[in-house]
Protein backbone atom coordinates (compact mmCIF):
# COMPACT_ATOMS: atom_id res chain seq x y z
CA MET A 1 127.05 111.43 85.52
CA HIS A 2 123.58 111.17 87.00
CA LEU A 3 120.82 110.53 84.46
CA LEU A 4 118.95 113.67 85.51
CA ALA A 5 122.09 115.71 84.86
CA GLN A 6 122.47 114.06 81.44
CA ASN A 7 118.80 114.89 80.81
CA PRO A 8 117.84 113.00 77.65
CA PHE A 9 114.15 113.84 78.25
CA GLU A 10 113.81 117.18 76.40
CA LEU A 11 112.87 118.76 79.72
CA THR A 12 114.49 121.71 81.47
CA PHE A 13 115.04 120.90 85.14
CA ARG A 14 115.53 123.47 87.89
CA PRO A 15 114.54 124.04 91.55
CA ILE A 16 110.90 124.90 92.25
CA THR A 17 110.12 128.53 93.13
CA VAL A 18 106.98 130.28 94.35
CA GLU A 19 106.44 131.50 90.79
CA ASP A 20 105.98 127.86 89.76
CA LEU A 21 103.12 127.13 92.18
CA ASP A 22 100.32 127.30 89.63
CA GLU A 23 102.15 125.12 87.08
CA TRP A 24 103.24 122.71 89.80
CA TYR A 25 99.72 122.35 91.15
CA ALA A 26 98.30 121.91 87.65
CA LEU A 27 100.75 119.03 87.17
CA VAL A 28 99.66 117.47 90.49
CA LEU A 29 96.03 117.66 89.32
CA ARG A 30 96.81 116.03 85.96
CA ILE A 31 98.55 113.16 87.74
CA PHE A 32 95.60 112.85 90.13
CA GLU A 33 93.07 112.73 87.31
CA ALA A 34 94.95 109.89 85.65
CA GLU A 35 95.90 107.83 88.71
CA LYS A 36 92.89 108.56 90.99
CA PRO A 37 94.67 108.19 94.33
CA VAL A 38 92.69 108.67 97.53
CA TRP A 39 94.49 111.92 98.26
CA HIS A 40 96.68 114.51 96.58
CA GLU A 41 98.53 117.56 97.84
CA GLN A 42 96.64 120.84 97.75
CA ARG A 43 98.13 124.10 96.53
CA GLU A 44 98.57 125.15 100.16
CA ASP A 45 100.57 121.98 100.84
CA LEU A 46 102.92 122.81 97.97
CA GLN A 47 103.31 126.37 99.21
CA ASN A 48 104.06 125.11 102.72
CA ALA A 49 106.76 122.84 101.28
CA LEU A 50 108.43 125.89 99.72
CA ASN A 51 108.10 127.88 102.96
CA SER A 52 109.60 125.20 105.20
CA THR A 53 112.67 126.26 107.20
CA LYS A 54 113.85 122.64 107.42
CA ASN A 55 113.99 121.93 103.68
CA ASP A 56 115.54 124.37 101.22
CA PRO A 57 113.64 124.29 97.89
CA ARG A 58 116.80 125.46 96.10
CA PHE A 59 118.35 122.08 96.83
CA ASP A 60 115.49 119.79 97.88
CA THR A 61 113.13 120.29 94.92
CA VAL A 62 113.31 119.97 91.16
CA ILE A 63 110.75 120.53 88.41
CA GLY A 64 111.00 119.77 84.68
CA PHE A 65 109.41 121.92 81.96
CA ASP A 66 108.90 121.02 78.32
CA GLN A 67 109.77 123.35 75.45
CA GLN A 68 106.39 125.05 75.76
CA GLY A 69 106.99 125.84 79.44
CA VAL A 70 104.53 123.23 80.76
CA ALA A 71 105.57 121.39 83.93
CA ARG A 72 105.89 117.67 83.21
CA ALA A 73 107.69 116.19 86.23
CA PHE A 74 108.71 117.12 89.76
CA ALA A 75 110.41 115.70 92.83
CA ARG A 76 111.20 116.87 96.33
CA VAL A 77 112.94 115.56 99.43
CA SER A 78 111.74 116.29 102.96
CA LYS A 79 113.76 115.61 106.10
CA ASN A 80 113.72 116.89 109.66
CA PRO A 81 117.24 117.79 110.84
CA GLU A 82 117.07 115.15 113.60
CA GLY A 83 114.92 112.77 111.56
CA GLU A 84 116.06 109.20 110.96
CA LYS A 85 114.58 109.06 107.47
CA ALA A 86 113.98 111.28 104.45
CA TYR A 87 110.65 111.32 102.62
CA LEU A 88 110.48 111.32 98.84
CA PHE A 89 107.63 112.88 96.87
CA GLY A 90 107.26 113.28 93.13
CA GLY A 91 105.33 112.59 89.97
CA VAL A 92 105.40 112.56 86.18
CA ASP A 93 102.77 113.89 83.80
CA PRO A 94 100.73 110.90 82.49
CA LEU A 95 101.61 111.86 78.91
CA TRP A 96 105.33 111.73 79.72
CA GLN A 97 105.47 108.49 81.64
CA ARG A 98 107.34 105.34 80.51
CA ARG A 99 110.36 107.38 79.41
CA GLY A 100 112.57 106.74 82.43
CA ILE A 101 111.84 110.13 83.99
CA GLY A 102 110.45 108.67 87.21
CA SER A 103 113.52 106.48 87.70
CA ALA A 104 115.82 109.44 87.03
CA LEU A 105 113.96 111.60 89.53
CA LEU A 106 114.15 108.83 92.12
CA GLY A 107 117.89 108.64 91.60
CA TRP A 108 118.16 112.40 92.11
CA GLN A 109 116.07 112.17 95.28
CA GLN A 110 118.25 109.42 96.71
CA ALA A 111 121.41 111.40 96.00
CA GLN A 112 119.95 114.53 97.63
CA ALA A 113 118.76 112.52 100.64
CA ALA A 114 122.29 111.17 101.07
CA ARG A 115 123.65 114.71 101.03
CA ARG A 116 121.09 115.75 103.66
CA PHE A 117 122.10 112.89 105.96
CA GLU A 118 125.75 113.73 105.48
CA SER A 119 125.22 117.39 106.35
CA ASP A 120 123.26 116.35 109.45
CA GLY A 121 126.05 113.99 110.48
CA GLN A 122 123.79 110.94 110.42
CA SER A 123 123.88 107.40 109.14
CA PRO A 124 122.56 105.12 107.80
CA VAL A 125 120.67 106.89 105.01
CA VAL A 126 117.05 105.69 105.02
CA VAL A 127 114.51 106.97 102.50
CA ARG A 128 110.77 106.42 102.50
CA LYS A 129 108.10 106.62 99.80
CA PHE A 130 104.35 106.13 100.07
CA ALA A 131 102.32 104.46 97.35
CA ASP A 132 98.64 103.77 96.88
CA GLN A 133 97.73 100.15 96.07
CA SER A 134 96.02 101.27 92.86
CA ASN A 135 99.12 103.04 91.51
CA LEU A 136 100.72 100.11 89.72
CA ALA A 137 103.41 102.24 88.07
CA GLU A 138 104.57 103.62 91.42
CA LEU A 139 104.57 100.16 92.97
CA ALA A 140 106.64 98.81 90.08
CA LEU A 141 109.10 101.70 90.41
CA CYS A 142 109.57 101.01 94.12
CA ASP A 143 110.07 97.29 93.52
CA SER A 144 112.55 97.77 90.69
CA ALA A 145 114.55 100.31 92.72
CA GLY A 146 114.98 97.91 95.63
CA TYR A 147 112.45 99.37 98.06
CA SER A 148 110.63 97.12 100.53
CA VAL A 149 107.19 97.46 102.07
CA VAL A 150 107.59 98.22 105.77
CA ARG A 151 104.03 99.17 106.73
CA TYR A 152 100.45 99.03 105.49
CA PHE A 153 97.84 101.73 106.00
CA ALA A 154 94.10 101.56 105.48
CA GLU A 155 91.62 104.29 104.63
CA MET A 156 88.45 103.57 106.59
CA ARG A 157 84.99 105.04 106.20
CA ARG A 158 81.71 104.86 108.08
CA PRO A 159 78.25 105.90 106.82
CA LEU A 160 76.76 108.50 109.13
CA ALA A 161 73.27 107.22 108.36
CA ASP A 162 74.07 104.33 110.71
CA PRO A 163 73.29 104.99 114.39
CA ILE A 164 76.03 106.96 116.11
CA PRO A 165 76.88 105.56 119.56
CA GLU A 166 76.56 107.68 122.68
CA ILE A 167 79.63 107.12 124.83
CA PRO A 168 79.95 108.98 128.14
CA LEU A 169 83.21 110.41 129.44
CA ASP A 170 84.56 109.29 132.78
CA GLU A 171 84.07 111.62 135.71
CA GLY A 172 86.80 114.24 135.88
CA LEU A 173 87.14 114.51 132.11
CA GLU A 174 85.64 117.30 130.00
CA LEU A 175 85.23 117.63 126.24
CA LYS A 176 85.89 121.01 124.61
CA THR A 177 85.97 122.33 121.06
CA PHE A 178 89.47 122.95 119.74
CA SER A 179 90.62 126.57 119.92
CA SER A 180 93.79 128.51 119.17
CA GLU A 181 94.30 128.94 122.92
CA LEU A 182 94.56 125.16 123.27
CA SER A 183 96.68 124.61 120.16
CA GLU A 184 100.12 124.48 121.80
CA GLN A 185 98.90 122.15 124.54
CA VAL A 186 97.44 119.86 121.90
CA ARG A 187 100.70 119.89 119.92
CA LEU A 188 102.67 118.79 122.96
CA ALA A 189 100.04 116.17 123.80
CA HIS A 190 100.24 114.88 120.23
CA ASN A 191 104.01 114.52 120.37
CA GLU A 192 103.69 112.57 123.61
CA ALA A 193 100.81 110.41 122.38
CA PHE A 194 102.62 109.46 119.16
CA ALA A 195 106.05 108.92 120.72
CA ASP A 196 105.39 105.15 120.65
CA HIS A 197 103.84 105.10 117.17
CA TRP A 198 105.78 103.61 114.26
CA GLY A 199 107.39 106.17 111.96
CA SER A 200 106.18 109.20 113.90
CA GLU A 201 108.42 112.22 114.40
CA PRO A 202 107.65 115.13 116.77
CA ARG A 203 105.84 118.05 115.20
CA ASP A 204 107.52 121.38 115.81
CA GLN A 205 105.60 124.64 115.85
CA GLU A 206 106.20 125.22 112.15
CA SER A 207 104.80 121.88 110.96
CA TRP A 208 101.97 122.12 113.50
CA GLY A 209 101.12 125.57 112.21
CA PHE A 210 100.90 124.23 108.64
CA LEU A 211 98.36 121.67 109.90
CA ILE A 212 96.25 123.96 112.05
CA ASP A 213 96.24 126.87 109.59
CA HIS A 214 95.42 124.69 106.58
CA PRO A 215 92.18 125.82 104.87
CA HIS A 216 90.75 122.30 105.16
CA MET A 217 91.12 122.22 108.94
CA ARG A 218 87.76 122.45 110.75
CA ALA A 219 88.19 123.73 114.30
CA ASP A 220 84.43 123.41 114.88
CA TRP A 221 84.68 119.65 114.23
CA SER A 222 87.87 119.25 116.27
CA THR A 223 87.75 118.46 119.98
CA VAL A 224 89.94 117.87 123.00
CA VAL A 225 89.36 116.00 126.25
CA ILE A 226 90.72 117.78 129.32
CA ASP A 227 91.48 116.44 132.78
CA THR A 228 89.54 118.86 135.00
CA ALA A 229 91.81 118.14 137.98
CA ASN A 230 94.95 119.54 136.38
CA GLY A 231 93.88 121.11 133.07
CA GLU A 232 96.02 118.73 131.03
CA ILE A 233 95.06 117.44 127.60
CA ALA A 234 94.09 113.77 127.78
CA GLY A 235 93.17 113.28 124.12
CA TYR A 236 92.32 115.17 120.94
CA GLN A 237 90.73 114.78 117.52
CA ILE A 238 91.64 117.13 114.63
CA ALA A 239 89.21 117.08 111.71
CA ASN A 240 89.36 118.27 108.09
CA TYR A 241 86.96 118.81 105.22
CA ASP A 242 88.18 118.44 101.64
CA PRO A 243 85.54 119.62 99.12
CA GLU A 244 87.33 117.80 96.29
CA VAL A 245 86.32 114.45 97.80
CA LEU A 246 82.73 115.30 96.90
CA GLN A 247 83.71 116.48 93.42
CA THR A 248 85.94 113.53 92.55
CA HIS A 249 84.52 110.66 94.62
CA GLY A 250 80.92 111.76 95.24
CA ARG A 251 81.25 111.62 99.04
CA ASN A 252 80.55 114.43 101.48
CA GLU A 253 82.79 113.34 104.33
CA GLY A 254 84.32 114.61 107.51
CA TYR A 255 87.87 113.37 107.94
CA THR A 256 89.74 112.73 111.18
CA GLU A 257 93.26 113.91 110.43
CA LEU A 258 94.71 113.23 113.88
CA LEU A 259 93.46 111.24 116.85
CA GLY A 260 95.53 110.67 119.93
CA VAL A 261 95.30 109.79 123.61
CA ARG A 262 98.20 110.27 125.99
CA ARG A 263 99.50 107.05 127.51
CA ALA A 264 98.42 107.91 131.08
CA TYR A 265 94.80 108.25 129.92
CA ARG A 266 94.49 105.19 127.68
CA GLY A 267 91.92 102.55 128.51
CA ARG A 268 89.23 105.10 129.42
CA ARG A 269 87.29 105.14 126.10
CA ILE A 270 88.55 108.63 125.29
CA ALA A 271 89.30 107.82 121.63
CA ALA A 272 85.83 106.33 121.21
CA VAL A 273 84.25 109.43 122.78
CA LEU A 274 86.22 111.71 120.46
CA LEU A 275 85.23 109.74 117.36
CA ALA A 276 81.57 109.55 118.34
CA GLU A 277 81.56 113.31 118.93
CA ALA A 278 83.24 113.85 115.56
CA MET A 279 80.52 111.76 113.87
CA GLN A 280 77.82 113.86 115.53
CA ARG A 281 79.46 117.06 114.35
CA PHE A 282 80.03 115.73 110.84
CA SER A 283 76.39 114.66 110.60
CA ALA A 284 75.08 117.96 111.95
CA SER A 285 77.06 119.74 109.20
CA GLY A 286 75.47 117.67 106.46
CA MET A 287 78.21 115.10 105.96
CA ASP A 288 77.29 111.59 104.80
CA TRP A 289 80.51 109.81 105.80
CA ALA A 290 83.16 109.81 108.51
CA ALA A 291 86.65 108.84 107.34
CA LEU A 292 90.17 108.36 108.66
CA ASP A 293 93.44 106.62 107.87
CA VAL A 294 95.09 104.08 110.15
CA ASP A 295 98.33 102.19 110.50
CA THR A 296 97.04 98.61 110.38
CA GLU A 297 99.63 97.55 112.98
CA ASN A 298 99.00 100.46 115.37
CA PRO A 299 100.08 99.23 118.82
CA THR A 300 97.14 100.89 120.59
CA GLY A 301 94.62 98.64 118.81
CA ALA A 302 93.18 101.55 116.85
CA TYR A 303 92.16 99.42 113.87
CA GLY A 304 89.94 97.22 116.04
CA LEU A 305 88.41 100.26 117.74
CA TYR A 306 87.48 101.79 114.41
CA GLU A 307 85.89 98.55 113.24
CA ARG A 308 83.81 98.36 116.43
CA LEU A 309 82.59 101.90 115.76
CA GLY A 310 81.46 100.93 112.26
CA TYR A 311 84.42 102.00 110.13
CA GLN A 312 85.35 99.67 107.27
CA PRO A 313 88.53 99.62 105.15
CA HIS A 314 88.15 100.81 101.55
CA ASN A 315 91.67 101.38 100.32
CA ARG A 316 95.21 100.39 101.21
CA SER A 317 98.50 102.20 100.87
CA MET A 318 102.05 101.19 101.66
CA ALA A 319 105.19 102.73 103.08
CA TYR A 320 108.30 101.67 101.19
CA ASP A 321 111.77 102.03 102.70
CA LYS A 322 115.27 101.68 101.34
CA GLU A 323 118.61 101.99 103.10
CA LEU A 324 121.11 103.56 100.74
């Protein structure tokens, strides 16, 4: 019998429901306060996970409550029906760690991922976890469970007090502020631009809507470059503002959530133009830093571009994979 089913932890496990959102988010915040990762899921992210049509919370989530009704551990599995991998997310209250709960939850996640692959008629079963370099317990769990690092990511930041470069667009290209009217075009452009990026899966309208409608999304900081000859999207930059970064890390920063240039338009400085424009907009809104996250092996040379624009790495995270 699976260890989670045996449940020697004095916790009551069941699927997560919308009524659990406040307790679930409070647990996420307790874990964040103890582990201090660069990022944690917001309440809206948790709600979106429960509202997803691709992952059923009745089967793909679990939460454990103590005898006082306080949430102490959770786990969820996320997989696109056509996706070649399943993503595993979870955490244990700092006061309840080192009891084997994390390992038991990981075992439950792997079993549920295998069931998802089977129902989708796919093989092999590949699961992926992300871990921050500072989270030693998570790294140890991944290592002990037979996971291997398959990719490194870097958080990069740039002080906006440094001079912001002025980079002109080529003739025939026009920069516009992101709008709802352009949203679907940008989604399709994103899927095309990231088709050759490691680990990327196309964003459907549901997942795109979660991104664009997120309360942290700043349309006034987000821009697109349009080919005036045909009206097509050449590139785009989607920006966010998370007020908790100021509260927890003391930085007022604008964050580039997505940056992409379609293959036919690469080599024309469009990404540099979009980032320089983002810096100008961040600065004009009172931000002190520009930030983003990058795959250090990005085939487009993004890491080098960011360094040339003044971004420097400040934190590293890893993607861990395991084939079951």
